[in-house]
Amino acid sequence: MLRQKIPATPSIRRLPFYLHIIKNAQSEGYEFISETDTEVVAHLIASELKKHDDFFAAARAAIAQLRGAFALAILRKSEPG
């Protein structure tokens, strides 16, 4: 497990609705060690991988939960296989 560290105030580097995503991830046992949107998205994709066999389906499901303007480059060492 990763260690948890969530500050009380959001920074401009975070996704707009990250707190809801963090709370859901924490309820699944994920812990946060940074204050970045990168870690939030990584945990969200990891969570979706438990529900989807396909990495791309998991990434799409994770992205569907994000709001606001953002750009992502999602890489996985074992993909495309």
Protein backbone atom coordinates (compact mmCIF):
# COMPACT_ATOMS: atom_id res chain seq x y z
CA MET A 1 0.00 0.00 0.00
CA LEU A 2 1.03 3.57 -0.55
CA ARG A 3 1.12 6.09 2.26
CA GLN A 4 -1.60 8.70 2.48
CA LYS A 5 -1.01 12.45 2.41
CA ILE A 6 -3.88 14.66 1.37
CA PRO A 7 -3.69 18.40 2.05
CA ALA A 8 -6.67 20.46 3.12
CA THR A 9 -6.47 22.93 0.24
CA PRO A 10 -6.34 22.07 -3.46
CA SER A 11 -3.64 23.43 -5.74
CA ILE A 12 -3.97 24.44 -9.36
CA ARG A 13 -2.22 21.20 -10.38
CA ARG A 14 -5.15 19.08 -9.25
CA LEU A 15 -8.23 17.92 -11.09
CA PRO A 16 -11.35 19.91 -10.18
CA PHE A 17 -13.31 17.06 -8.60
CA TYR A 18 -10.39 15.10 -7.19
CA LEU A 19 -11.68 14.86 -3.59
CA HIS A 20 -14.58 12.57 -4.54
CA ILE A 21 -12.21 10.35 -6.52
CA ILE A 22 -9.71 10.26 -3.63
CA LYS A 23 -12.39 9.28 -1.13
CA ASN A 24 -13.58 6.46 -3.38
CA ALA A 25 -10.02 5.23 -3.91
CA GLN A 26 -9.32 5.36 -0.18
CA SER A 27 -12.42 3.28 0.49
CA GLU A 28 -10.94 0.67 -1.86
CA GLY A 29 -7.67 0.69 0.13
CA TYR A 30 -5.57 3.06 -1.97
CA GLU A 31 -3.35 5.49 -0.08
CA PHE A 32 -1.88 8.68 -1.48
CA ILE A 33 1.71 9.84 -1.01
CA SER A 34 1.69 12.96 -3.19
CA GLU A 35 -0.48 15.96 -3.86
CA THR A 36 -0.70 15.58 -7.63
CA ASP A 37 -3.45 14.87 -10.09
CA THR A 38 -1.10 12.31 -11.65
CA GLU A 39 -1.39 10.03 -8.64
CA VAL A 40 -5.16 10.44 -8.52
CA VAL A 41 -5.50 9.37 -12.16
CA ALA A 42 -3.07 6.46 -11.69
CA HIS A 43 -5.09 5.12 -8.75
CA LEU A 44 -8.32 5.64 -10.66
CA ILE A 45 -7.04 3.60 -13.59
CA ALA A 46 -5.75 0.90 -11.21
CA SER A 47 -9.20 0.75 -9.64
CA GLU A 48 -10.86 0.42 -13.04
CA LEU A 49 -8.44 -2.37 -13.99
CA LYS A 50 -10.11 -4.46 -11.27
CA LYS A 51 -13.38 -4.13 -13.19
CA HIS A 52 -12.09 -4.38 -16.78
CA ASP A 53 -9.80 -7.00 -18.30
CA ASP A 54 -8.70 -4.61 -21.02
CA PHE A 55 -6.31 -1.77 -20.14
CA PHE A 56 -7.80 0.59 -22.69
CA ALA A 57 -11.33 -0.04 -21.40
CA ALA A 58 -10.11 0.67 -17.86
CA ALA A 59 -8.42 3.89 -18.99
CA ARG A 60 -11.59 5.01 -20.82
CA ALA A 61 -13.72 4.26 -17.75
CA ALA A 62 -11.33 6.24 -15.57
CA ILE A 63 -11.30 9.20 -17.95
CA ALA A 64 -15.11 9.18 -18.04
CA GLN A 65 -15.05 10.04 -14.32
CA LEU A 66 -12.85 13.12 -14.75
CA ARG A 67 -14.24 16.61 -15.20
CA GLY A 68 -12.73 19.82 -16.47
CA ALA A 69 -10.02 20.51 -19.02
CA PHE A 70 -7.02 18.22 -18.93
CA ALA A 71 -4.58 16.35 -21.14
CA LEU A 72 -3.31 12.88 -20.37
CA ALA A 73 -0.65 10.56 -21.75
CA ILE A 74 -1.35 7.11 -20.31
CA LEU A 75 1.35 4.52 -20.74
CA ARG A 76 1.61 0.98 -19.48
CA LYS A 77 4.80 -1.00 -19.73
CA SER A 78 3.00 -4.19 -20.78
CA GLU A 79 0.80 -2.55 -23.42
CA PRO A 80 0.16 -3.03 -26.23
CA GLY A 81 1.68 -6.45 -25.45
